[in-house]
Amino acid sequence: MTLFHLRRLDSSKVDETMDDIRNGRLNKAQKRYLNAYLNEYAREYRYVGRYNYDKD
């Protein structure tokens, strides 16, 4: 879901990967966008589990 939202950013080249996110290879605009999205998401939803991307 995070990768989906990252790719929706206007400056996205749609070549971002989960590996980029895991290894912090994001620019300031991408980090700010994801932090804003994830903070709003956290306000609305309760944590019930996680998705293991390593199994993809």
C-alpha atoms as a PDB file:
ATOM      1  CA  MET A   1       0.000   0.000   0.000  1.00  0.00           C
ATOM      2  CA  THR A   2       2.859   2.383   0.776  1.00  0.00           C
ATOM      3  CA  LEU A   3       4.411   1.741  -2.638  1.00  0.00           C
ATOM      4  CA  PHE A   4       1.038   2.379  -4.296  1.00  0.00           C
ATOM      5  CA  HIS A   5       0.776   5.786  -2.628  1.00  0.00           C
ATOM      6  CA  LEU A   6       4.401   6.638  -3.359  1.00  0.00           C
ATOM      7  CA  ARG A   7       3.770   6.015  -7.044  1.00  0.00           C
ATOM      8  CA  ARG A   8       0.763   8.365  -6.950  1.00  0.00           C
ATOM      9  CA  LEU A   9       3.036  11.289  -6.069  1.00  0.00           C
ATOM     10  CA  ASP A  10       3.209  13.796  -8.948  1.00  0.00           C
ATOM     11  CA  SER A  11       6.997  13.578  -9.176  1.00  0.00           C
ATOM     12  CA  SER A  12       6.993   9.762  -9.275  1.00  0.00           C
ATOM     13  CA  LYS A  13       8.655   8.052 -12.220  1.00  0.00           C
ATOM     14  CA  VAL A  14       6.704   4.877 -11.318  1.00  0.00           C
ATOM     15  CA  ASP A  15       9.933   2.916 -10.962  1.00  0.00           C
ATOM     16  CA  GLU A  16      10.091   3.012  -7.163  1.00  0.00           C
ATOM     17  CA  THR A  17      10.420  -0.359  -5.450  1.00  0.00           C
ATOM     18  CA  MET A  18       9.889  -1.819  -1.980  1.00  0.00           C
ATOM     19  CA  ASP A  19      13.672  -2.110  -1.806  1.00  0.00           C
ATOM     20  CA  ASP A  20      13.925   1.686  -2.219  1.00  0.00           C
ATOM     21  CA  ILE A  21      11.546   2.158   0.708  1.00  0.00           C
ATOM     22  CA  ARG A  22      13.296  -0.435   2.897  1.00  0.00           C
ATOM     23  CA  ASN A  23      16.705   1.127   2.273  1.00  0.00           C
ATOM     24  CA  GLY A  24      15.609   4.753   2.625  1.00  0.00           C
ATOM     25  CA  ARG A  25      16.288   5.699  -0.991  1.00  0.00           C
ATOM     26  CA  LEU A  26      13.599   8.373  -1.059  1.00  0.00           C
ATOM     27  CA  ASN A  27      13.918  12.105  -1.631  1.00  0.00           C
ATOM     28  CA  LYS A  28      12.549  14.720   0.789  1.00  0.00           C
ATOM     29  CA  ALA A  29       9.265  15.133  -1.097  1.00  0.00           C
ATOM     30  CA  GLN A  30       8.646  11.375  -1.103  1.00  0.00           C
ATOM     31  CA  LYS A  31       9.391  11.065   2.629  1.00  0.00           C
ATOM     32  CA  ARG A  32       7.170  14.031   3.471  1.00  0.00           C
ATOM     33  CA  TYR A  33       4.319  12.640   1.344  1.00  0.00           C
ATOM     34  CA  LEU A  34       4.550   9.155   2.867  1.00  0.00           C
ATOM     35  CA  ASN A  35       4.832  10.492   6.419  1.00  0.00           C
ATOM     36  CA  ALA A  36       1.738  12.649   5.934  1.00  0.00           C
ATOM     37  CA  TYR A  37      -0.196   9.727   4.444  1.00  0.00           C
ATOM     38  CA  LEU A  38       0.895   7.241   7.115  1.00  0.00           C
ATOM     39  CA  ASN A  39       0.182   9.655   9.970  1.00  0.00           C
ATOM     40  CA  GLU A  40      -3.356  10.262   8.690  1.00  0.00           C
ATOM     41  CA  TYR A  41      -3.815   6.530   8.181  1.00  0.00           C
ATOM     42  CA  ALA A  42      -2.686   5.897  11.761  1.00  0.00           C
ATOM     43  CA  ARG A  43      -5.259   8.380  13.050  1.00  0.00           C
ATOM     44  CA  GLU A  44      -8.071   6.472  11.342  1.00  0.00           C
ATOM     45  CA  TYR A  45      -7.154   2.818  11.718  1.00  0.00           C
ATOM     46  CA  ARG A  46      -6.032   0.488  14.468  1.00  0.00           C
ATOM     47  CA  TYR A  47      -3.047  -1.811  13.947  1.00  0.00           C
ATOM     48  CA  VAL A  48      -4.194  -5.399  13.446  1.00  0.00           C
ATOM     49  CA  GLY A  49      -1.197  -6.985  11.758  1.00  0.00           C
ATOM     50  CA  ARG A  50       1.365  -6.534   9.060  1.00  0.00           C
ATOM     51  CA  TYR A  51       2.134  -7.700   5.571  1.00  0.00           C
ATOM     52  CA  ASN A  52       5.396  -9.572   4.987  1.00  0.00           C
ATOM     53  CA  TYR A  53       6.751  -8.260   1.676  1.00  0.00           C
ATOM     54  CA  ASP A  54       9.662 -10.721   1.731  1.00  0.00           C
ATOM     55  CA  LYS A  55       7.274 -13.497   0.703  1.00  0.00           C
ATOM     56  CA  ASP A  56       6.351 -11.736  -2.575  1.00  0.00           C
END
